[in-house]
Amino acid sequence: MHRTFQVGDKASRKRIFTDADVHQFADLVGDHNPVHLDAEFAAGTQFKAQIAHGMLVGSLFTGVLGEELPGPGSIYMAQNLSFKAPVYLGQEVTATVEVTSIREGKGIVSFDTTVTDQEGKVLVKGDSVMYVPWLKA
């Protein structure tokens, strides 16, 4: 069943990234930057500890958009991301999407996309556009 929604509706997903997650992502995409994979190396950087790949963190939006809001059958058209602060391994984060506009009859929906930490600090900020076929007249 296709979900109905309106401007202002939100959906979220929480996640804690592990060392295994970043290693698997590194192997999948070929980004073996030691700031993500090597605790000793990362300790000597401005971050002082390993951090998750920015694109791994940004990929949380795929799950929220594809499974929850707008949900199965919707297709990504665009995603913009701005990385505001690092996501550390073992840190709980929340990815939230919020409907900002719906182009009635076109099946195009825009969202604000945000990843925050447990204190509400914005770590990743962006926006996305989805094609939602069941909204097309």
N, C-alpha and C. Protein backbone atom coordinates (compact mmCIF):
# COMPACT_ATOMS: atom_id res chain seq x y z
N MET A 1 0.84 -1.18 0.00
CA MET A 1 0.00 0.00 0.00
C MET A 1 0.88 1.24 0.00
N HIS A 2 0.55 2.19 -0.83
CA HIS A 2 1.33 3.41 -0.92
C HIS A 2 0.93 4.39 0.16
N ARG A 3 1.92 4.98 0.75
CA ARG A 3 1.72 5.89 1.87
C ARG A 3 1.28 7.26 1.37
N THR A 4 0.37 7.88 2.11
CA THR A 4 0.01 9.27 1.86
C THR A 4 0.77 10.13 2.86
N PHE A 5 1.09 11.34 2.45
CA PHE A 5 1.85 12.23 3.32
C PHE A 5 1.63 13.66 2.88
N GLN A 6 2.14 14.58 3.71
CA GLN A 6 1.98 16.01 3.42
C GLN A 6 3.24 16.76 3.83
N VAL A 7 3.33 18.00 3.40
CA VAL A 7 4.46 18.85 3.77
C VAL A 7 4.54 18.90 5.30
N GLY A 8 5.76 18.73 5.80
CA GLY A 8 6.00 18.73 7.24
C GLY A 8 6.12 17.34 7.84
N ASP A 9 5.67 16.31 7.14
CA ASP A 9 5.81 14.95 7.65
C ASP A 9 7.28 14.56 7.71
N LYS A 10 7.63 13.78 8.73
CA LYS A 10 9.02 13.36 8.95
C LYS A 10 9.10 11.86 9.18
N ALA A 11 10.27 11.33 8.91
CA ALA A 11 10.61 9.95 9.26
C ALA A 11 12.09 9.94 9.65
N SER A 12 12.45 9.04 10.56
CA SER A 12 13.83 8.98 11.07
C SER A 12 14.28 7.54 11.23
N ARG A 13 15.59 7.41 11.30
CA ARG A 13 16.21 6.12 11.57
C ARG A 13 17.49 6.37 12.36
N LYS A 14 17.70 5.58 13.41
CA LYS A 14 18.92 5.69 14.23
C LYS A 14 19.93 4.63 13.79
N ARG A 15 21.20 4.95 14.01
CA ARG A 15 22.26 4.00 13.62
C ARG A 15 23.52 4.29 14.42
N ILE A 16 24.24 3.25 14.75
CA ILE A 16 25.58 3.34 15.32
C ILE A 16 26.50 2.61 14.35
N PHE A 17 27.48 3.32 13.79
CA PHE A 17 28.41 2.70 12.85
C PHE A 17 29.55 2.03 13.61
N THR A 18 29.91 0.83 13.16
CA THR A 18 30.97 0.04 13.78
C THR A 18 32.20 -0.01 12.89
N ASP A 19 33.27 -0.53 13.44
CA ASP A 19 34.49 -0.74 12.67
C ASP A 19 34.21 -1.68 11.50
N ALA A 20 33.42 -2.71 11.73
CA ALA A 20 33.07 -3.64 10.65
C ALA A 20 32.30 -2.93 9.54
N ASP A 21 31.40 -2.02 9.91
CA ASP A 21 30.64 -1.25 8.91
C ASP A 21 31.57 -0.47 8.00
N VAL A 22 32.52 0.27 8.59
CA VAL A 22 33.39 1.11 7.76
C VAL A 22 34.34 0.27 6.93
N HIS A 23 34.79 -0.86 7.43
CA HIS A 23 35.63 -1.74 6.63
C HIS A 23 34.85 -2.33 5.45
N GLN A 24 33.63 -2.74 5.70
CA GLN A 24 32.81 -3.29 4.61
C GLN A 24 32.53 -2.21 3.57
N PHE A 25 32.21 -1.00 4.01
CA PHE A 25 31.95 0.10 3.07
C PHE A 25 33.22 0.43 2.28
N ALA A 26 34.37 0.46 2.97
CA ALA A 26 35.65 0.76 2.31
C ALA A 26 35.93 -0.25 1.20
N ASP A 27 35.69 -1.51 1.49
CA ASP A 27 35.91 -2.56 0.48
C ASP A 27 34.92 -2.43 -0.67
N LEU A 28 33.69 -2.08 -0.35
CA LEU A 28 32.65 -1.97 -1.37
C LEU A 28 32.95 -0.84 -2.35
N VAL A 29 33.37 0.33 -1.82
CA VAL A 29 33.56 1.50 -2.70
C VAL A 29 35.02 1.78 -3.04
N GLY A 30 35.95 1.10 -2.37
CA GLY A 30 37.36 1.29 -2.68
C GLY A 30 37.99 2.50 -2.02
N ASP A 31 37.42 3.01 -0.93
CA ASP A 31 37.98 4.14 -0.19
C ASP A 31 38.57 3.62 1.12
N HIS A 32 39.89 3.40 1.10
CA HIS A 32 40.58 2.83 2.25
C HIS A 32 41.38 3.89 3.01
N ASN A 33 40.87 5.10 3.07
CA ASN A 33 41.50 6.18 3.82
C ASN A 33 41.70 5.73 5.27
N PRO A 34 42.92 5.80 5.79
CA PRO A 34 43.18 5.29 7.14
C PRO A 34 42.46 6.06 8.25
N VAL A 35 41.96 7.26 7.99
CA VAL A 35 41.21 7.98 9.02
C VAL A 35 39.92 7.22 9.36
N HIS A 36 39.48 6.36 8.44
CA HIS A 36 38.29 5.55 8.68
C HIS A 36 38.64 4.16 9.23
N LEU A 37 39.81 3.64 8.86
CA LEU A 37 40.11 2.23 9.09
C LEU A 37 41.19 1.93 10.12
N ASP A 38 42.00 2.90 10.45
CA ASP A 38 43.18 2.66 11.30
C ASP A 38 43.12 3.57 12.53
N ALA A 39 42.82 2.99 13.68
CA ALA A 39 42.65 3.75 14.92
C ALA A 39 43.91 4.54 15.27
N GLU A 40 45.08 3.94 15.09
CA GLU A 40 46.33 4.62 15.42
C GLU A 40 46.55 5.83 14.51
N PHE A 41 46.34 5.64 13.22
CA PHE A 41 46.46 6.77 12.28
C PHE A 41 45.45 7.86 12.63
N ALA A 42 44.19 7.48 12.83
CA ALA A 42 43.13 8.45 13.10
C ALA A 42 43.40 9.24 14.38
N ALA A 43 44.04 8.60 15.36
CA ALA A 43 44.36 9.29 16.62
C ALA A 43 45.28 10.47 16.39
N GLY A 44 46.08 10.44 15.33
CA GLY A 44 47.01 11.53 15.03
C GLY A 44 46.41 12.61 14.14
N THR A 45 45.13 12.51 13.81
CA THR A 45 44.47 13.50 12.97
C THR A 45 43.70 14.50 13.82
N GLN A 46 43.12 15.50 13.16
CA GLN A 46 42.31 16.49 13.87
C GLN A 46 41.07 15.86 14.51
N PHE A 47 40.68 14.65 14.08
CA PHE A 47 39.50 13.99 14.61
C PHE A 47 39.79 13.20 15.88
N LYS A 48 41.06 12.81 16.08
CA LYS A 48 41.52 12.09 17.27
C LYS A 48 41.00 10.66 17.40
N ALA A 49 40.17 10.22 16.46
CA ALA A 49 39.63 8.86 16.47
C ALA A 49 39.08 8.56 15.08
N GLN A 50 38.81 7.28 14.83
CA GLN A 50 38.24 6.87 13.54
C GLN A 50 36.88 7.50 13.32
N ILE A 51 36.62 7.87 12.07
CA ILE A 51 35.32 8.42 11.70
C ILE A 51 34.73 7.59 10.56
N ALA A 52 33.41 7.60 10.48
CA ALA A 52 32.72 6.92 9.38
C ALA A 52 32.89 7.73 8.10
N HIS A 53 32.90 7.06 6.98
CA HIS A 53 32.91 7.73 5.68
C HIS A 53 31.67 8.64 5.60
N GLY A 54 31.84 9.83 5.08
CA GLY A 54 30.70 10.74 4.92
C GLY A 54 29.59 10.15 4.08
N MET A 55 29.96 9.49 3.00
CA MET A 55 28.94 8.92 2.12
C MET A 55 28.24 7.72 2.76
N LEU A 56 28.91 7.01 3.64
CA LEU A 56 28.26 5.94 4.40
C LEU A 56 27.18 6.55 5.29
N VAL A 57 27.52 7.62 5.97
CA VAL A 57 26.54 8.30 6.83
C VAL A 57 25.39 8.84 5.97
N GLY A 58 25.72 9.49 4.87
CA GLY A 58 24.69 10.03 3.98
C GLY A 58 23.78 8.96 3.41
N SER A 59 24.29 7.74 3.31
CA SER A 59 23.46 6.67 2.75
C SER A 59 22.32 6.26 3.67
N LEU A 60 22.34 6.73 4.90
CA LEU A 60 21.21 6.45 5.79
C LEU A 60 19.90 6.96 5.21
N PHE A 61 19.98 8.05 4.45
CA PHE A 61 18.76 8.61 3.87
C PHE A 61 18.09 7.64 2.90
N THR A 62 18.89 6.83 2.22
CA THR A 62 18.33 5.86 1.28
C THR A 62 17.35 4.94 1.98
N GLY A 63 17.72 4.45 3.15
CA GLY A 63 16.83 3.56 3.90
C GLY A 63 15.56 4.24 4.35
N VAL A 64 15.68 5.46 4.85
CA VAL A 64 14.50 6.18 5.33
C VAL A 64 13.57 6.48 4.16
N LEU A 65 14.11 7.02 3.09
CA LEU A 65 13.29 7.41 1.93
C LEU A 65 12.71 6.19 1.21
N GLY A 66 13.49 5.16 1.05
CA GLY A 66 13.05 4.00 0.30
C GLY A 66 12.12 3.07 1.06
N GLU A 67 12.20 3.09 2.38
CA GLU A 67 11.41 2.16 3.18
C GLU A 67 10.28 2.83 3.96
N GLU A 68 10.44 4.12 4.29
CA GLU A 68 9.48 4.75 5.19
C GLU A 68 8.74 5.93 4.57
N LEU A 69 9.45 6.92 4.13
CA LEU A 69 8.83 8.14 3.61
C LEU A 69 9.63 8.68 2.44
N PRO A 70 9.16 8.57 1.22
CA PRO A 70 7.82 8.18 0.81
C PRO A 70 7.58 6.68 0.78
N GLY A 71 8.64 5.87 0.72
CA GLY A 71 8.49 4.43 0.83
C GLY A 71 8.75 3.66 -0.45
N PRO A 72 8.50 2.34 -0.40
CA PRO A 72 8.78 1.45 -1.53
C PRO A 72 8.12 1.91 -2.82
N GLY A 73 8.90 1.86 -3.90
CA GLY A 73 8.42 2.28 -5.21
C GLY A 73 8.87 3.67 -5.58
N SER A 74 9.30 4.46 -4.59
CA SER A 74 9.82 5.80 -4.88
C SER A 74 11.25 5.68 -5.38
N ILE A 75 11.69 6.67 -6.15
CA ILE A 75 13.01 6.62 -6.78
C ILE A 75 13.74 7.94 -6.54
N TYR A 76 15.01 7.84 -6.15
CA TYR A 76 15.86 9.02 -5.97
C TYR A 76 16.04 9.77 -7.28
N MET A 77 15.93 11.08 -7.24
CA MET A 77 16.27 11.93 -8.37
C MET A 77 17.49 12.78 -8.06
N ALA A 78 17.64 13.19 -6.79
CA ALA A 78 18.78 14.04 -6.41
C ALA A 78 19.00 13.97 -4.90
N GLN A 79 20.25 14.19 -4.51
CA GLN A 79 20.62 14.29 -3.10
C GLN A 79 21.79 15.24 -2.99
N ASN A 80 21.66 16.26 -2.18
CA ASN A 80 22.75 17.18 -1.86
C ASN A 80 23.13 16.97 -0.41
N LEU A 81 24.43 16.97 -0.13
CA LEU A 81 24.91 16.76 1.24
C LEU A 81 25.97 17.78 1.59
N SER A 82 25.94 18.23 2.81
CA SER A 82 26.99 19.08 3.37
C SER A 82 27.39 18.46 4.70
N PHE A 83 28.68 18.15 4.84
CA PHE A 83 29.18 17.48 6.03
C PHE A 83 29.65 18.53 7.04
N LYS A 84 28.93 18.63 8.16
CA LYS A 84 29.17 19.68 9.15
C LYS A 84 30.11 19.25 10.27
N ALA A 85 30.09 17.97 10.61
CA ALA A 85 30.93 17.45 11.69
C ALA A 85 31.08 15.95 11.48
N PRO A 86 32.16 15.37 12.00
CA PRO A 86 32.40 13.94 11.79
C PRO A 86 31.42 13.07 12.58
N VAL A 87 31.25 11.85 12.08
CA VAL A 87 30.52 10.81 12.79
C VAL A 87 31.55 9.79 13.24
N TYR A 88 31.65 9.61 14.54
CA TYR A 88 32.63 8.69 15.11
C TYR A 88 32.05 7.29 15.23
N LEU A 89 32.91 6.29 15.13
CA LEU A 89 32.48 4.92 15.33
C LEU A 89 31.93 4.80 16.75
N GLY A 90 30.82 4.09 16.89
CA GLY A 90 30.21 3.91 18.20
C GLY A 90 29.28 5.04 18.62
N GLN A 91 29.17 6.07 17.82
CA GLN A 91 28.32 7.22 18.14
C GLN A 91 26.93 7.00 17.54
N GLU A 92 25.89 7.14 18.33
CA GLU A 92 24.54 7.01 17.80
C GLU A 92 24.14 8.28 17.07
N VAL A 93 23.64 8.10 15.84
CA VAL A 93 23.16 9.23 15.04
C VAL A 93 21.74 8.94 14.58
N THR A 94 21.04 10.01 14.21
CA THR A 94 19.67 9.89 13.71
C THR A 94 19.59 10.58 12.36
N ALA A 95 19.16 9.86 11.35
CA ALA A 95 18.91 10.42 10.02
C ALA A 95 17.42 10.74 9.93
N THR A 96 17.11 11.98 9.57
CA THR A 96 15.72 12.43 9.48
C THR A 96 15.46 13.05 8.12
N VAL A 97 14.33 12.72 7.54
CA VAL A 97 13.87 13.35 6.31
C VAL A 97 12.56 14.05 6.62
N GLU A 98 12.38 15.23 6.01
CA GLU A 98 11.14 15.99 6.20
C GLU A 98 10.65 16.49 4.84
N VAL A 99 9.38 16.24 4.56
CA VAL A 99 8.78 16.68 3.31
C VAL A 99 8.72 18.21 3.30
N THR A 100 9.30 18.82 2.26
CA THR A 100 9.28 20.29 2.13
C THR A 100 8.39 20.77 1.00
N SER A 101 8.18 19.94 -0.02
CA SER A 101 7.25 20.32 -1.09
C SER A 101 6.80 19.08 -1.85
N ILE A 102 5.59 19.18 -2.39
CA ILE A 102 5.01 18.10 -3.20
C ILE A 102 4.50 18.75 -4.47
N ARG A 103 5.02 18.30 -5.59
CA ARG A 103 4.55 18.79 -6.90
C ARG A 103 3.42 17.90 -7.36
N GLU A 104 2.22 18.32 -7.01
CA GLU A 104 1.02 17.55 -7.33
C GLU A 104 0.95 17.28 -8.83
N GLY A 105 0.55 16.09 -9.18
CA GLY A 105 0.40 15.71 -10.57
C GLY A 105 1.71 15.36 -11.26
N LYS A 106 2.84 15.69 -10.64
CA LYS A 106 4.15 15.39 -11.22
C LYS A 106 4.82 14.19 -10.54
N GLY A 107 4.38 13.91 -9.31
CA GLY A 107 4.99 12.82 -8.56
C GLY A 107 6.38 13.16 -8.05
N ILE A 108 6.67 14.44 -7.86
CA ILE A 108 7.99 14.87 -7.40
C ILE A 108 7.86 15.47 -6.00
N VAL A 109 8.65 14.94 -5.08
CA VAL A 109 8.60 15.36 -3.68
C VAL A 109 10.00 15.77 -3.24
N SER A 110 10.09 16.91 -2.55
CA SER A 110 11.38 17.39 -2.03
C SER A 110 11.41 17.22 -0.51
N PHE A 111 12.62 16.98 -0.01
CA PHE A 111 12.83 16.72 1.41
C PHE A 111 14.04 17.49 1.92
N ASP A 112 14.00 17.91 3.18
CA ASP A 112 15.21 18.28 3.92
C ASP A 112 15.73 16.99 4.51
N THR A 113 17.06 16.82 4.51
CA THR A 113 17.68 15.62 5.06
C THR A 113 18.74 16.04 6.07
N THR A 114 18.70 15.43 7.26
CA THR A 114 19.60 15.82 8.34
C THR A 114 20.05 14.60 9.13
N VAL A 115 21.32 14.59 9.49
CA VAL A 115 21.83 13.61 10.45
C VAL A 115 22.27 14.39 11.68
N THR A 116 21.79 13.97 12.85
CA THR A 116 22.14 14.62 14.11
C THR A 116 22.71 13.60 15.09
N ASP A 117 23.42 14.12 16.08
CA ASP A 117 23.90 13.25 17.16
C ASP A 117 22.86 13.23 18.28
N GLN A 118 23.19 12.56 19.38
CA GLN A 118 22.24 12.40 20.48
C GLN A 118 21.87 13.72 21.15
N GLU A 119 22.72 14.74 21.01
CA GLU A 119 22.43 16.05 21.59
C GLU A 119 21.71 16.97 20.61
N GLY A 120 21.47 16.50 19.40
CA GLY A 120 20.78 17.29 18.40
C GLY A 120 21.70 18.12 17.52
N LYS A 121 23.01 17.95 17.66
CA LYS A 121 23.96 18.66 16.82
C LYS A 121 23.88 18.14 15.39
N VAL A 122 23.80 19.05 14.42
CA VAL A 122 23.72 18.66 13.01
C VAL A 122 25.10 18.23 12.52
N LEU A 123 25.17 17.01 12.01
CA LEU A 123 26.42 16.45 11.49
C LEU A 123 26.44 16.46 9.97
N VAL A 124 25.28 16.19 9.37
CA VAL A 124 25.12 16.21 7.91
C VAL A 124 23.80 16.92 7.62
N LYS A 125 23.85 17.83 6.64
CA LYS A 125 22.66 18.59 6.24
C LYS A 125 22.54 18.50 4.74
N GLY A 126 21.32 18.38 4.25
CA GLY A 126 21.14 18.33 2.81
C GLY A 126 19.69 18.40 2.42
N ASP A 127 19.45 18.04 1.17
CA ASP A 127 18.10 17.97 0.65
C ASP A 127 18.06 16.91 -0.43
N SER A 128 16.88 16.38 -0.67
CA SER A 128 16.73 15.36 -1.70
C SER A 128 15.44 15.59 -2.47
N VAL A 129 15.40 14.98 -3.65
CA VAL A 129 14.22 14.99 -4.50
C VAL A 129 13.93 13.54 -4.88
N MET A 130 12.67 13.17 -4.73
CA MET A 130 12.25 11.81 -5.04
C MET A 130 11.12 11.82 -6.06
N TYR A 131 11.12 10.81 -6.93
CA TYR A 131 9.99 10.58 -7.81
C TYR A 131 9.09 9.58 -7.10
N VAL A 132 7.83 9.97 -6.94
CA VAL A 132 6.88 9.15 -6.22
C VAL A 132 5.73 8.83 -7.19
N PRO A 133 5.81 7.72 -7.91
CA PRO A 133 4.90 7.46 -9.02
C PRO A 133 3.42 7.46 -8.64
N TRP A 134 3.07 7.05 -7.44
CA TRP A 134 1.66 6.98 -7.08
C TRP A 134 1.04 8.36 -6.84
N LEU A 135 1.88 9.43 -6.83
CA LEU A 135 1.35 10.79 -6.71
C LEU A 135 1.09 11.44 -8.07
N LYS A 136 1.56 10.79 -9.11
CA LYS A 136 1.39 11.34 -10.45
C LYS A 136 -0.04 11.09 -10.92
N ALA A 137 -0.68 12.17 -11.37
CA ALA A 137 -2.10 12.04 -11.79
C ALA A 137 -2.20 11.33 -13.11
